[in-house]
Amino acid sequence: MAGSGSLALRTLPAQSWVRGSSPAVLSRLRDAAVVRPGFLSAAEEDTLSRELEPDLRRRRYEYDHWDAAIHGFRETEKTRWSEASRTILRRVQEAAFGPGQALLPGVHVLDLEPRGYIKPHVDSVKFCGATIAGLSLLSPSVMRLVHTQDPAEWLELLLEPGSLYILRGSARYDFSHEILRDEDSFFGERRIPRGRRISVICRAPPEMGPGELAQPPTAC
């Protein structure tokens, strides 16, 4: 099972924050599931956290998501940011999306309590486009991806505070993804204790047909 301490750690060179079931899976998803640790400075992480806190504090943690995929969360869509935060989000756009790529105007903010988690799910093409990019704040966590047709194929991402993760194409549509609950939060043999985690997620717009409306997706 993915995450078992008995499994040998297999990583790409100089990428100890990514581990997978085989070199073939690591190679296949090399550009589709990307982690950039240290993308934010401590000051930038603090800037985002402080800006988000007043709005999040007004909301209660929920335990029943509309598609039953998230437990112990509160979320919002944010469109207005300080200039300091807009500068950070422009860096995310440059790092994760193509030149001139339009993004959904609402940035998805997801706040998981320490015992909150996101169950395995596959993103729908109706809700956002081929790329999502998320900043992880406050607590480390482990994201697990498992192939929908062959559970023996998996990838795990170590998401430290201040890191940026990018999921594209096959990583979103051929693999389920989840954020592990605290008691299951291991990266190989390394225990990754979960605390409260905030993710700030930028998304490409969906390719919609006539009359279709985008809805917020489940997000990690």
N, C-alpha and C. Protein backbone atom coordinates (compact mmCIF):
# COMPACT_ATOMS: atom_id res chain seq x y z
N MET A 1 0.84 -1.19 0.00
CA MET A 1 0.00 0.00 0.00
C MET A 1 0.87 1.25 0.00
N ALA A 2 0.49 2.27 -0.79
CA ALA A 2 1.25 3.50 -0.83
C ALA A 2 1.34 4.09 0.57
N GLY A 3 2.53 4.62 0.90
CA GLY A 3 2.71 5.22 2.21
C GLY A 3 3.25 4.25 3.25
N SER A 4 3.32 2.96 2.94
CA SER A 4 3.82 2.00 3.91
C SER A 4 5.30 2.21 4.15
N GLY A 5 5.71 2.17 5.42
CA GLY A 5 7.11 2.35 5.74
C GLY A 5 7.98 1.21 5.25
N SER A 6 7.37 0.06 4.90
CA SER A 6 8.16 -1.08 4.43
C SER A 6 8.59 -0.93 2.99
N LEU A 7 7.99 0.03 2.27
CA LEU A 7 8.34 0.21 0.87
C LEU A 7 9.63 1.01 0.75
N ALA A 8 10.46 0.62 -0.19
CA ALA A 8 11.69 1.37 -0.44
C ALA A 8 11.34 2.73 -1.04
N LEU A 9 12.06 3.76 -0.61
CA LEU A 9 11.83 5.09 -1.13
C LEU A 9 12.50 5.21 -2.49
N ARG A 10 11.73 5.56 -3.49
CA ARG A 10 12.26 5.76 -4.83
C ARG A 10 11.99 7.20 -5.22
N THR A 11 13.01 7.95 -5.49
CA THR A 11 12.83 9.35 -5.83
C THR A 11 13.65 9.69 -7.06
N LEU A 12 13.22 10.73 -7.76
CA LEU A 12 14.05 11.29 -8.80
C LEU A 12 15.23 12.00 -8.16
N PRO A 13 16.36 12.09 -8.83
CA PRO A 13 17.53 12.77 -8.25
C PRO A 13 17.18 14.16 -7.74
N ALA A 14 17.62 14.46 -6.52
CA ALA A 14 17.45 15.79 -5.91
C ALA A 14 15.99 16.15 -5.70
N GLN A 15 15.09 15.17 -5.66
CA GLN A 15 13.69 15.46 -5.44
C GLN A 15 13.15 14.55 -4.34
N SER A 16 13.64 14.70 -3.14
CA SER A 16 13.24 13.83 -2.05
C SER A 16 11.83 14.15 -1.56
N TRP A 17 11.17 15.12 -2.15
CA TRP A 17 9.79 15.42 -1.79
C TRP A 17 8.80 14.71 -2.71
N VAL A 18 9.31 13.83 -3.60
CA VAL A 18 8.46 13.04 -4.49
C VAL A 18 8.90 11.59 -4.39
N ARG A 19 7.95 10.68 -4.21
CA ARG A 19 8.27 9.26 -4.21
C ARG A 19 7.17 8.53 -4.97
N GLY A 20 7.52 7.40 -5.59
CA GLY A 20 6.54 6.69 -6.40
C GLY A 20 6.74 5.20 -6.40
N SER A 21 5.80 4.51 -7.03
CA SER A 21 5.80 3.05 -7.03
C SER A 21 6.86 2.47 -7.95
N SER A 22 7.35 3.24 -8.92
CA SER A 22 8.34 2.73 -9.85
C SER A 22 9.00 3.90 -10.58
N PRO A 23 10.19 3.67 -11.12
CA PRO A 23 10.81 4.71 -11.95
C PRO A 23 9.94 5.11 -13.13
N ALA A 24 9.16 4.16 -13.68
CA ALA A 24 8.31 4.48 -14.83
C ALA A 24 7.24 5.49 -14.45
N VAL A 25 6.63 5.32 -13.28
CA VAL A 25 5.60 6.27 -12.83
C VAL A 25 6.22 7.64 -12.57
N LEU A 26 7.38 7.65 -11.91
CA LEU A 26 8.07 8.90 -11.65
C LEU A 26 8.38 9.63 -12.95
N SER A 27 8.83 8.89 -13.95
CA SER A 27 9.15 9.50 -15.24
C SER A 27 7.90 10.00 -15.94
N ARG A 28 6.84 9.18 -15.89
CA ARG A 28 5.60 9.54 -16.58
C ARG A 28 5.00 10.83 -16.02
N LEU A 29 5.09 11.02 -14.71
CA LEU A 29 4.46 12.17 -14.08
C LEU A 29 5.45 13.28 -13.73
N ARG A 30 6.63 13.18 -14.28
CA ARG A 30 7.68 14.14 -13.90
C ARG A 30 7.23 15.59 -14.11
N ASP A 31 6.56 15.86 -15.21
CA ASP A 31 6.10 17.22 -15.50
C ASP A 31 4.62 17.43 -15.18
N ALA A 32 3.93 16.35 -14.78
CA ALA A 32 2.49 16.45 -14.50
C ALA A 32 2.19 16.60 -13.02
N ALA A 33 3.12 16.21 -12.16
CA ALA A 33 2.96 16.36 -10.71
C ALA A 33 4.27 16.91 -10.17
N VAL A 34 4.28 18.19 -9.91
CA VAL A 34 5.53 18.90 -9.60
C VAL A 34 5.42 19.53 -8.21
N VAL A 35 6.49 19.45 -7.44
CA VAL A 35 6.57 20.14 -6.16
C VAL A 35 7.77 21.08 -6.18
N ARG A 36 7.53 22.31 -5.76
CA ARG A 36 8.62 23.28 -5.62
C ARG A 36 8.69 23.72 -4.17
N PRO A 37 9.52 23.05 -3.36
CA PRO A 37 9.63 23.43 -1.94
C PRO A 37 10.27 24.80 -1.81
N GLY A 38 9.91 25.51 -0.75
CA GLY A 38 10.51 26.81 -0.52
C GLY A 38 10.10 27.87 -1.53
N PHE A 39 8.98 27.67 -2.20
CA PHE A 39 8.53 28.67 -3.18
C PHE A 39 8.23 30.00 -2.49
N LEU A 40 7.68 29.93 -1.28
CA LEU A 40 7.40 31.12 -0.49
C LEU A 40 8.46 31.30 0.58
N SER A 41 8.82 32.54 0.84
CA SER A 41 9.62 32.84 2.02
C SER A 41 8.72 32.80 3.24
N ALA A 42 9.31 32.77 4.42
CA ALA A 42 8.52 32.78 5.65
C ALA A 42 7.67 34.05 5.71
N ALA A 43 8.21 35.16 5.24
CA ALA A 43 7.46 36.42 5.26
C ALA A 43 6.27 36.37 4.30
N GLU A 44 6.46 35.76 3.13
CA GLU A 44 5.36 35.65 2.17
C GLU A 44 4.26 34.73 2.69
N GLU A 45 4.66 33.61 3.30
CA GLU A 45 3.67 32.71 3.88
C GLU A 45 2.86 33.43 4.96
N ASP A 46 3.54 34.22 5.77
CA ASP A 46 2.87 34.99 6.82
C ASP A 46 1.92 36.02 6.22
N THR A 47 2.33 36.66 5.12
CA THR A 47 1.47 37.64 4.45
C THR A 47 0.15 37.01 4.01
N LEU A 48 0.23 35.86 3.36
CA LEU A 48 -0.99 35.19 2.90
C LEU A 48 -1.83 34.73 4.08
N SER A 49 -1.20 34.11 5.07
CA SER A 49 -1.95 33.59 6.21
C SER A 49 -2.70 34.71 6.94
N ARG A 50 -2.03 35.82 7.17
CA ARG A 50 -2.66 36.94 7.88
C ARG A 50 -3.83 37.52 7.07
N GLU A 51 -3.66 37.57 5.75
CA GLU A 51 -4.74 38.12 4.94
C GLU A 51 -5.96 37.21 4.90
N LEU A 52 -5.74 35.91 4.95
CA LEU A 52 -6.84 34.95 4.87
C LEU A 52 -7.56 34.75 6.20
N GLU A 53 -6.86 34.94 7.30
CA GLU A 53 -7.39 34.57 8.60
C GLU A 53 -8.71 35.24 8.96
N PRO A 54 -8.89 36.56 8.76
CA PRO A 54 -10.16 37.17 9.16
C PRO A 54 -11.38 36.55 8.48
N ASP A 55 -11.27 36.27 7.18
CA ASP A 55 -12.40 35.68 6.46
C ASP A 55 -12.64 34.24 6.90
N LEU A 56 -11.58 33.47 7.06
CA LEU A 56 -11.74 32.08 7.47
C LEU A 56 -12.30 31.97 8.88
N ARG A 57 -11.89 32.87 9.75
CA ARG A 57 -12.34 32.82 11.13
C ARG A 57 -13.85 33.00 11.25
N ARG A 58 -14.45 33.65 10.28
CA ARG A 58 -15.91 33.86 10.31
C ARG A 58 -16.68 32.61 9.88
N ARG A 59 -15.99 31.59 9.42
CA ARG A 59 -16.63 30.39 8.92
C ARG A 59 -16.42 29.23 9.88
N ARG A 60 -17.35 28.30 9.87
CA ARG A 60 -17.22 27.09 10.70
C ARG A 60 -16.64 25.96 9.88
N TYR A 61 -15.90 25.09 10.57
CA TYR A 61 -15.44 23.89 9.89
C TYR A 61 -16.63 23.00 9.58
N GLU A 62 -16.60 22.41 8.40
CA GLU A 62 -17.69 21.55 7.93
C GLU A 62 -17.20 20.11 7.82
N TYR A 63 -18.16 19.18 7.88
CA TYR A 63 -17.81 17.76 7.87
C TYR A 63 -18.60 16.98 6.81
N ASP A 64 -19.34 17.69 5.99
CA ASP A 64 -20.10 17.07 4.90
C ASP A 64 -19.95 17.91 3.66
N HIS A 65 -19.05 17.49 2.77
CA HIS A 65 -18.85 18.19 1.51
C HIS A 65 -19.90 17.75 0.51
N TRP A 66 -20.14 18.60 -0.49
CA TRP A 66 -21.21 18.30 -1.46
C TRP A 66 -20.98 16.99 -2.22
N ASP A 67 -19.71 16.59 -2.41
CA ASP A 67 -19.47 15.29 -3.04
C ASP A 67 -18.79 14.31 -2.09
N ALA A 68 -18.89 14.59 -0.76
CA ALA A 68 -18.39 13.71 0.30
C ALA A 68 -16.89 13.48 0.23
N ALA A 69 -16.14 14.43 -0.37
CA ALA A 69 -14.72 14.21 -0.57
C ALA A 69 -13.85 14.86 0.50
N ILE A 70 -14.38 15.82 1.26
CA ILE A 70 -13.56 16.54 2.24
C ILE A 70 -14.19 16.42 3.61
N HIS A 71 -13.35 16.29 4.63
CA HIS A 71 -13.82 16.17 6.01
C HIS A 71 -13.04 17.15 6.88
N GLY A 72 -13.75 17.98 7.64
CA GLY A 72 -13.10 18.91 8.55
C GLY A 72 -12.47 20.09 7.83
N PHE A 73 -13.28 20.87 7.13
CA PHE A 73 -12.75 21.93 6.28
C PHE A 73 -13.63 23.18 6.35
N ARG A 74 -13.06 24.27 5.93
CA ARG A 74 -13.80 25.47 5.57
C ARG A 74 -13.11 26.06 4.34
N GLU A 75 -13.88 26.72 3.50
CA GLU A 75 -13.32 27.17 2.23
C GLU A 75 -13.98 28.46 1.78
N THR A 76 -13.32 29.12 0.86
CA THR A 76 -13.85 30.33 0.29
C THR A 76 -13.24 30.54 -1.08
N GLU A 77 -13.86 31.38 -1.88
CA GLU A 77 -13.30 31.84 -3.14
C GLU A 77 -12.93 33.31 -2.96
N LYS A 78 -11.69 33.65 -3.19
CA LYS A 78 -11.22 35.01 -2.93
C LYS A 78 -10.81 35.68 -4.23
N THR A 79 -11.33 36.87 -4.46
CA THR A 79 -11.01 37.62 -5.68
C THR A 79 -10.26 38.91 -5.40
N ARG A 80 -10.33 39.41 -4.17
CA ARG A 80 -9.67 40.66 -3.84
C ARG A 80 -8.50 40.40 -2.89
N TRP A 81 -7.32 40.89 -3.28
CA TRP A 81 -6.10 40.63 -2.54
C TRP A 81 -5.32 41.92 -2.35
N SER A 82 -4.48 41.94 -1.34
CA SER A 82 -3.55 43.05 -1.18
C SER A 82 -2.52 43.00 -2.30
N GLU A 83 -1.83 44.09 -2.50
CA GLU A 83 -0.80 44.12 -3.55
C GLU A 83 0.30 43.11 -3.26
N ALA A 84 0.67 42.93 -2.00
CA ALA A 84 1.71 41.95 -1.66
C ALA A 84 1.28 40.54 -2.05
N SER A 85 0.03 40.20 -1.78
CA SER A 85 -0.46 38.87 -2.13
C SER A 85 -0.62 38.72 -3.64
N ARG A 86 -1.05 39.78 -4.32
CA ARG A 86 -1.16 39.71 -5.78
C ARG A 86 0.20 39.44 -6.41
N THR A 87 1.24 40.01 -5.84
CA THR A 87 2.59 39.75 -6.35
C THR A 87 2.94 38.27 -6.23
N ILE A 88 2.59 37.66 -5.10
CA ILE A 88 2.83 36.23 -4.90
C ILE A 88 2.04 35.41 -5.92
N LEU A 89 0.77 35.74 -6.11
CA LEU A 89 -0.07 34.98 -7.03
C LEU A 89 0.39 35.13 -8.48
N ARG A 90 0.96 36.28 -8.82
CA ARG A 90 1.52 36.43 -10.17
C ARG A 90 2.72 35.49 -10.35
N ARG A 91 3.50 35.29 -9.30
CA ARG A 91 4.60 34.34 -9.37
C ARG A 91 4.09 32.92 -9.58
N VAL A 92 2.98 32.57 -8.92
CA VAL A 92 2.37 31.25 -9.12
C VAL A 92 1.95 31.09 -10.58
N GLN A 93 1.31 32.11 -11.12
CA GLN A 93 0.85 32.04 -12.51
C GLN A 93 2.02 31.85 -13.46
N GLU A 94 3.11 32.59 -13.24
CA GLU A 94 4.28 32.46 -14.11
C GLU A 94 4.92 31.08 -13.99
N ALA A 95 4.90 30.50 -12.78
CA ALA A 95 5.57 29.22 -12.56
C ALA A 95 4.77 28.03 -13.07
N ALA A 96 3.44 28.14 -13.06
CA ALA A 96 2.62 26.95 -13.30
C ALA A 96 1.83 26.95 -14.60
N PHE A 97 1.60 28.13 -15.16
CA PHE A 97 0.71 28.22 -16.31
C PHE A 97 1.45 28.80 -17.51
N GLY A 98 0.94 28.52 -18.69
CA GLY A 98 1.57 29.00 -19.90
C GLY A 98 1.47 30.50 -20.06
N PRO A 99 2.31 31.09 -20.90
CA PRO A 99 2.26 32.53 -21.13
C PRO A 99 0.88 32.96 -21.62
N GLY A 100 0.32 33.96 -20.96
CA GLY A 100 -0.98 34.46 -21.37
C GLY A 100 -2.16 33.60 -20.96
N GLN A 101 -1.91 32.53 -20.19
CA GLN A 101 -3.01 31.65 -19.77
C GLN A 101 -3.93 32.38 -18.80
N ALA A 102 -5.21 32.46 -19.15
CA ALA A 102 -6.19 33.05 -18.24
C ALA A 102 -6.47 32.07 -17.11
N LEU A 103 -6.76 32.61 -15.92
CA LEU A 103 -7.10 31.79 -14.76
C LEU A 103 -8.52 32.12 -14.31
N LEU A 104 -9.13 31.18 -13.59
CA LEU A 104 -10.41 31.48 -12.97
C LEU A 104 -10.22 32.65 -12.01
N PRO A 105 -11.13 33.61 -12.01
CA PRO A 105 -10.91 34.82 -11.20
C PRO A 105 -10.91 34.57 -9.70
N GLY A 106 -11.67 33.57 -9.24
CA GLY A 106 -11.71 33.26 -7.83
C GLY A 106 -10.61 32.27 -7.46
N VAL A 107 -9.73 32.68 -6.54
CA VAL A 107 -8.70 31.76 -6.02
C VAL A 107 -9.35 30.93 -4.92
N HIS A 108 -9.23 29.62 -5.02
CA HIS A 108 -9.87 28.70 -4.08
C HIS A 108 -9.00 28.57 -2.83
N VAL A 109 -9.56 28.87 -1.69
CA VAL A 109 -8.84 28.77 -0.41
C VAL A 109 -9.50 27.67 0.41
N LEU A 110 -8.72 26.67 0.78
CA LEU A 110 -9.23 25.52 1.52
C LEU A 110 -8.46 25.39 2.83
N ASP A 111 -9.19 25.40 3.94
CA ASP A 111 -8.61 25.34 5.28
C ASP A 111 -9.01 24.01 5.92
N LEU A 112 -8.03 23.14 6.16
CA LEU A 112 -8.28 21.85 6.81
C LEU A 112 -7.87 21.94 8.26
N GLU A 113 -8.75 21.53 9.16
CA GLU A 113 -8.38 21.48 10.57
C GLU A 113 -7.35 20.36 10.76
N PRO A 114 -6.69 20.29 11.93
CA PRO A 114 -5.62 19.30 12.10
C PRO A 114 -6.03 17.87 11.80
N ARG A 115 -7.27 17.50 12.06
CA ARG A 115 -7.72 16.14 11.78
C ARG A 115 -8.55 16.08 10.50
N GLY A 116 -8.55 17.15 9.75
CA GLY A 116 -9.26 17.15 8.47
C GLY A 116 -8.46 16.42 7.40
N TYR A 117 -9.13 16.04 6.33
CA TYR A 117 -8.46 15.33 5.24
C TYR A 117 -9.30 15.42 3.98
N ILE A 118 -8.68 15.09 2.86
CA ILE A 118 -9.37 15.05 1.57
C ILE A 118 -9.30 13.63 1.05
N LYS A 119 -10.45 13.04 0.77
CA LYS A 119 -10.52 11.67 0.29
C LYS A 119 -10.08 11.57 -1.17
N PRO A 120 -9.73 10.36 -1.64
CA PRO A 120 -9.32 10.20 -3.04
C PRO A 120 -10.45 10.65 -3.98
N HIS A 121 -10.09 11.43 -4.97
CA HIS A 121 -11.06 11.90 -5.95
C HIS A 121 -10.32 12.23 -7.24
N VAL A 122 -11.08 12.29 -8.33
CA VAL A 122 -10.55 12.66 -9.64
C VAL A 122 -11.25 13.94 -10.05
N ASP A 123 -10.49 14.93 -10.47
CA ASP A 123 -11.08 16.20 -10.85
C ASP A 123 -11.93 16.05 -12.11
N SER A 124 -12.98 16.83 -12.19
CA SER A 124 -13.85 16.84 -13.35
C SER A 124 -13.41 17.91 -14.34
N VAL A 125 -13.44 17.59 -15.61
CA VAL A 125 -13.07 18.57 -16.64
C VAL A 125 -14.10 19.69 -16.72
N LYS A 126 -15.28 19.51 -16.11
CA LYS A 126 -16.32 20.54 -16.15
C LYS A 126 -16.01 21.71 -15.22
N PHE A 127 -15.13 21.48 -14.23
CA PHE A 127 -14.97 22.47 -13.17
C PHE A 127 -13.75 23.36 -13.33
N CYS A 128 -12.67 22.83 -13.85
CA CYS A 128 -11.51 23.68 -14.12
C CYS A 128 -10.66 23.00 -15.18
N GLY A 129 -9.71 23.76 -15.73
CA GLY A 129 -8.93 23.28 -16.85
C GLY A 129 -7.84 22.30 -16.47
N ALA A 130 -6.88 22.14 -17.37
CA ALA A 130 -5.92 21.05 -17.26
C ALA A 130 -4.88 21.24 -16.16
N THR A 131 -4.76 22.45 -15.61
CA THR A 131 -3.72 22.72 -14.63
C THR A 131 -4.29 23.38 -13.39
N ILE A 132 -3.85 22.90 -12.22
CA ILE A 132 -4.09 23.60 -10.96
C ILE A 132 -2.75 23.76 -10.26
N ALA A 133 -2.63 24.81 -9.45
CA ALA A 133 -1.40 25.06 -8.72
C ALA A 133 -1.76 25.55 -7.33
N GLY A 134 -1.17 24.92 -6.31
CA GLY A 134 -1.55 25.24 -4.94
C GLY A 134 -0.36 25.56 -4.06
N LEU A 135 -0.53 26.60 -3.25
CA LEU A 135 0.43 26.94 -2.21
C LEU A 135 -0.01 26.30 -0.91
N SER A 136 0.92 25.69 -0.18
CA SER A 136 0.61 25.04 1.09
C SER A 136 1.11 25.92 2.24
N LEU A 137 0.22 26.20 3.20
CA LEU A 137 0.54 27.06 4.32
C LEU A 137 0.35 26.31 5.64
N LEU A 138 1.11 26.69 6.63
CA LEU A 138 0.98 26.33 8.05
C LEU A 138 1.52 24.95 8.41
N SER A 139 1.05 23.89 7.74
CA SER A 139 1.41 22.53 8.15
C SER A 139 1.89 21.71 6.97
N PRO A 140 2.88 20.82 7.18
CA PRO A 140 3.21 19.87 6.13
C PRO A 140 2.09 18.85 5.96
N SER A 141 2.03 18.25 4.78
CA SER A 141 1.04 17.21 4.51
C SER A 141 1.58 16.33 3.39
N VAL A 142 0.91 15.23 3.18
CA VAL A 142 1.28 14.30 2.10
C VAL A 142 0.10 14.17 1.16
N MET A 143 0.35 14.43 -0.13
CA MET A 143 -0.64 14.20 -1.17
C MET A 143 -0.32 12.87 -1.86
N ARG A 144 -1.31 12.02 -1.96
CA ARG A 144 -1.14 10.72 -2.61
C ARG A 144 -1.95 10.69 -3.90
N LEU A 145 -1.32 10.23 -4.99
CA LEU A 145 -1.98 10.02 -6.26
C LEU A 145 -1.96 8.52 -6.57
N VAL A 146 -3.10 7.97 -6.97
CA VAL A 146 -3.21 6.54 -7.29
C VAL A 146 -3.90 6.39 -8.63
N HIS A 147 -3.33 5.57 -9.51
CA HIS A 147 -3.91 5.39 -10.84
C HIS A 147 -5.30 4.76 -10.72
N THR A 148 -6.24 5.29 -11.46
CA THR A 148 -7.63 4.82 -11.33
C THR A 148 -7.83 3.41 -11.86
N GLN A 149 -6.98 2.97 -12.79
CA GLN A 149 -7.13 1.64 -13.38
C GLN A 149 -6.16 0.63 -12.78
N ASP A 150 -5.08 1.10 -12.19
CA ASP A 150 -4.07 0.21 -11.63
C ASP A 150 -3.57 0.79 -10.31
N PRO A 151 -4.19 0.40 -9.19
CA PRO A 151 -3.80 0.95 -7.89
C PRO A 151 -2.36 0.69 -7.49
N ALA A 152 -1.68 -0.21 -8.19
CA ALA A 152 -0.27 -0.47 -7.89
C ALA A 152 0.60 0.69 -8.36
N GLU A 153 0.06 1.55 -9.20
CA GLU A 153 0.80 2.72 -9.66
C GLU A 153 0.41 3.92 -8.81
N TRP A 154 1.36 4.50 -8.10
CA TRP A 154 1.07 5.62 -7.23
C TRP A 154 2.25 6.58 -7.13
N LEU A 155 1.93 7.76 -6.68
CA LEU A 155 2.92 8.80 -6.45
C LEU A 155 2.54 9.53 -5.17
N GLU A 156 3.52 9.96 -4.41
CA GLU A 156 3.26 10.76 -3.22
C GLU A 156 4.11 12.02 -3.25
N LEU A 157 3.50 13.12 -2.83
CA LEU A 157 4.15 14.42 -2.80
C LEU A 157 4.22 14.90 -1.36
N LEU A 158 5.38 15.29 -0.92
CA LEU A 158 5.54 15.90 0.39
C LEU A 158 5.37 17.41 0.23
N LEU A 159 4.32 17.94 0.84
CA LEU A 159 3.98 19.36 0.69
C LEU A 159 4.31 20.08 1.99
N GLU A 160 5.45 20.70 2.02
CA GLU A 160 5.87 21.43 3.20
C GLU A 160 5.29 22.84 3.17
N PRO A 161 5.17 23.50 4.32
CA PRO A 161 4.70 24.88 4.32
C PRO A 161 5.59 25.75 3.44
N GLY A 162 4.94 26.58 2.63
CA GLY A 162 5.68 27.43 1.71
C GLY A 162 5.97 26.80 0.36
N SER A 163 5.55 25.54 0.17
CA SER A 163 5.80 24.87 -1.11
C SER A 163 4.68 25.17 -2.10
N LEU A 164 5.00 24.98 -3.37
CA LEU A 164 4.03 25.07 -4.46
C LEU A 164 3.93 23.70 -5.11
N TYR A 165 2.71 23.21 -5.31
CA TYR A 165 2.54 21.99 -6.09
C TYR A 165 1.76 22.32 -7.34
N ILE A 166 2.03 21.58 -8.40
CA ILE A 166 1.37 21.77 -9.69
C ILE A 166 0.90 20.41 -10.18
N LEU A 167 -0.37 20.30 -10.52
CA LEU A 167 -0.91 19.08 -11.12
C LEU A 167 -1.44 19.42 -12.50
N ARG A 168 -1.05 18.60 -13.48
CA ARG A 168 -1.46 18.83 -14.86
C ARG A 168 -1.93 17.52 -15.48
N GLY A 169 -2.84 17.64 -16.43
CA GLY A 169 -3.17 16.55 -17.33
C GLY A 169 -3.38 15.21 -16.65
N SER A 170 -2.53 14.25 -16.98
CA SER A 170 -2.68 12.87 -16.51
C SER A 170 -2.73 12.77 -15.00
N ALA A 171 -1.97 13.61 -14.29
CA ALA A 171 -1.95 13.55 -12.83
C ALA A 171 -3.32 13.87 -12.25
N ARG A 172 -4.14 14.61 -12.97
CA ARG A 172 -5.45 15.00 -12.47
C ARG A 172 -6.57 14.10 -12.98
N TYR A 173 -6.42 13.57 -14.16
CA TYR A 173 -7.53 12.84 -14.77
C TYR A 173 -7.34 11.33 -14.79
N ASP A 174 -6.09 10.85 -14.74
CA ASP A 174 -5.83 9.40 -14.74
C ASP A 174 -5.53 8.89 -13.33
N PHE A 175 -5.26 9.80 -12.42
CA PHE A 175 -4.93 9.44 -11.04
C PHE A 175 -5.88 10.16 -10.09
N SER A 176 -6.34 9.45 -9.06
CA SER A 176 -7.02 10.13 -7.96
C SER A 176 -5.97 10.83 -7.13
N HIS A 177 -6.39 11.86 -6.38
CA HIS A 177 -5.47 12.48 -5.44
C HIS A 177 -6.19 12.78 -4.14
N GLU A 178 -5.43 12.82 -3.06
CA GLU A 178 -5.98 13.01 -1.72
C GLU A 178 -4.94 13.64 -0.82
N ILE A 179 -5.37 14.23 0.29
CA ILE A 179 -4.49 14.66 1.36
C ILE A 179 -4.71 13.71 2.53
N LEU A 180 -3.64 13.06 2.99
CA LEU A 180 -3.76 12.02 3.99
C LEU A 180 -4.15 12.59 5.35
N ARG A 181 -5.00 11.85 6.05
CA ARG A 181 -5.36 12.23 7.41
C ARG A 181 -4.16 12.04 8.33
N ASP A 182 -4.20 12.67 9.49
CA ASP A 182 -3.04 12.71 10.37
C ASP A 182 -2.51 11.31 10.69
N GLU A 183 -3.39 10.39 11.02
CA GLU A 183 -2.91 9.07 11.45
C GLU A 183 -2.27 8.27 10.31
N ASP A 184 -2.54 8.65 9.07
CA ASP A 184 -1.95 7.97 7.92
C ASP A 184 -0.84 8.79 7.27
N SER A 185 -0.47 9.89 7.89
CA SER A 185 0.44 10.85 7.24
C SER A 185 1.89 10.42 7.40
N PHE A 186 2.34 9.60 6.44
CA PHE A 186 3.73 9.16 6.36
C PHE A 186 4.24 9.43 4.95
N PHE A 187 5.51 9.72 4.86
CA PHE A 187 6.19 9.85 3.57
C PHE A 187 7.33 8.85 3.60
N GLY A 188 7.07 7.64 3.05
CA GLY A 188 7.98 6.53 3.27
C GLY A 188 7.93 6.16 4.74
N GLU A 189 9.08 6.09 5.37
CA GLU A 189 9.14 5.76 6.81
C GLU A 189 9.05 7.01 7.68
N ARG A 190 9.01 8.15 7.07
CA ARG A 190 9.03 9.41 7.82
C ARG A 190 7.61 9.82 8.21
N ARG A 191 7.39 10.00 9.48
CA ARG A 191 6.10 10.49 9.98
C ARG A 191 5.99 11.99 9.68
N ILE A 192 4.86 12.39 9.10
CA ILE A 192 4.60 13.79 8.78
C ILE A 192 3.39 14.23 9.60
N PRO A 193 3.58 14.71 10.82
CA PRO A 193 2.44 15.10 11.65
C PRO A 193 1.64 16.21 10.99
N ARG A 194 0.35 16.06 10.98
CA ARG A 194 -0.54 17.03 10.36
C ARG A 194 -1.04 18.03 11.39
N GLY A 195 -0.96 19.30 11.06
CA GLY A 195 -1.63 20.35 11.79
C GLY A 195 -2.67 21.00 10.89
N ARG A 196 -3.11 22.16 11.28
CA ARG A 196 -4.02 22.91 10.41
C ARG A 196 -3.28 23.28 9.13
N ARG A 197 -3.94 23.09 8.00
CA ARG A 197 -3.33 23.34 6.69
C ARG A 197 -4.24 24.22 5.85
N ILE A 198 -3.67 25.24 5.25
CA ILE A 198 -4.39 26.08 4.30
C ILE A 198 -3.75 25.90 2.93
N SER A 199 -4.57 25.69 1.91
CA SER A 199 -4.06 25.67 0.54
C SER A 199 -4.72 26.80 -0.24
N VAL A 200 -3.92 27.45 -1.06
CA VAL A 200 -4.35 28.57 -1.89
C VAL A 200 -4.17 28.13 -3.33
N ILE A 201 -5.27 27.92 -4.05
CA ILE A 201 -5.24 27.17 -5.31
C ILE A 201 -5.68 28.04 -6.47
N CYS A 202 -4.80 28.16 -7.46
CA CYS A 202 -5.10 28.84 -8.71
C CYS A 202 -5.43 27.79 -9.76
N ARG A 203 -6.40 28.12 -10.65
CA ARG A 203 -6.91 27.12 -11.59
C ARG A 203 -7.11 27.70 -12.97
N ALA A 204 -6.76 26.91 -13.97
CA ALA A 204 -7.11 27.27 -15.34
C ALA A 204 -8.61 27.08 -15.52
N PRO A 205 -9.25 27.89 -16.36
CA PRO A 205 -10.70 27.73 -16.57
C PRO A 205 -11.00 26.47 -17.37
N PRO A 206 -12.19 25.90 -17.17
CA PRO A 206 -12.58 24.71 -17.94
C PRO A 206 -12.88 25.08 -19.38
N GLU A 207 -12.79 24.07 -20.22
CA GLU A 207 -13.25 24.24 -21.60
C GLU A 207 -14.72 23.86 -21.63
N MET A 208 -15.58 24.86 -21.54
CA MET A 208 -17.01 24.63 -21.36
C MET A 208 -17.74 24.64 -22.69
N GLY A 209 -18.77 23.81 -22.77
CA GLY A 209 -19.67 23.84 -23.90
C GLY A 209 -20.72 24.91 -23.70
N PRO A 210 -21.55 25.17 -24.70
CA PRO A 210 -22.59 26.19 -24.57
C PRO A 210 -23.52 25.90 -23.41
N GLY A 211 -23.75 26.91 -22.59
CA GLY A 211 -24.71 26.79 -21.50
C GLY A 211 -24.16 26.17 -20.25
N GLU A 212 -22.88 25.73 -20.25
CA GLU A 212 -22.30 25.11 -19.06
C GLU A 212 -21.74 26.18 -18.13
N LEU A 213 -21.85 25.94 -16.84
CA LEU A 213 -21.33 26.85 -15.83
C LEU A 213 -20.32 26.12 -14.96
N ALA A 214 -19.20 26.76 -14.71
CA ALA A 214 -18.18 26.15 -13.87
C ALA A 214 -18.59 26.25 -12.41
N GLN A 215 -18.30 25.19 -11.64
CA GLN A 215 -18.52 25.18 -10.20
C GLN A 215 -17.18 24.90 -9.52
N PRO A 216 -17.01 25.33 -8.26
CA PRO A 216 -15.75 25.05 -7.58
C PRO A 216 -15.50 23.55 -7.48
N PRO A 217 -14.31 23.07 -7.84
CA PRO A 217 -14.01 21.65 -7.72
C PRO A 217 -13.57 21.29 -6.33
N THR A 218 -13.63 20.02 -6.01
CA THR A 218 -12.88 19.55 -4.85
C THR A 218 -11.43 19.87 -5.10
N ALA A 219 -10.72 20.33 -4.09
CA ALA A 219 -9.35 20.73 -4.31
C ALA A 219 -8.48 20.30 -3.15
N CYS A 220 -7.17 20.17 -3.43
CA CYS A 220 -6.21 19.81 -2.41
C CYS A 220 -5.33 20.98 -2.03
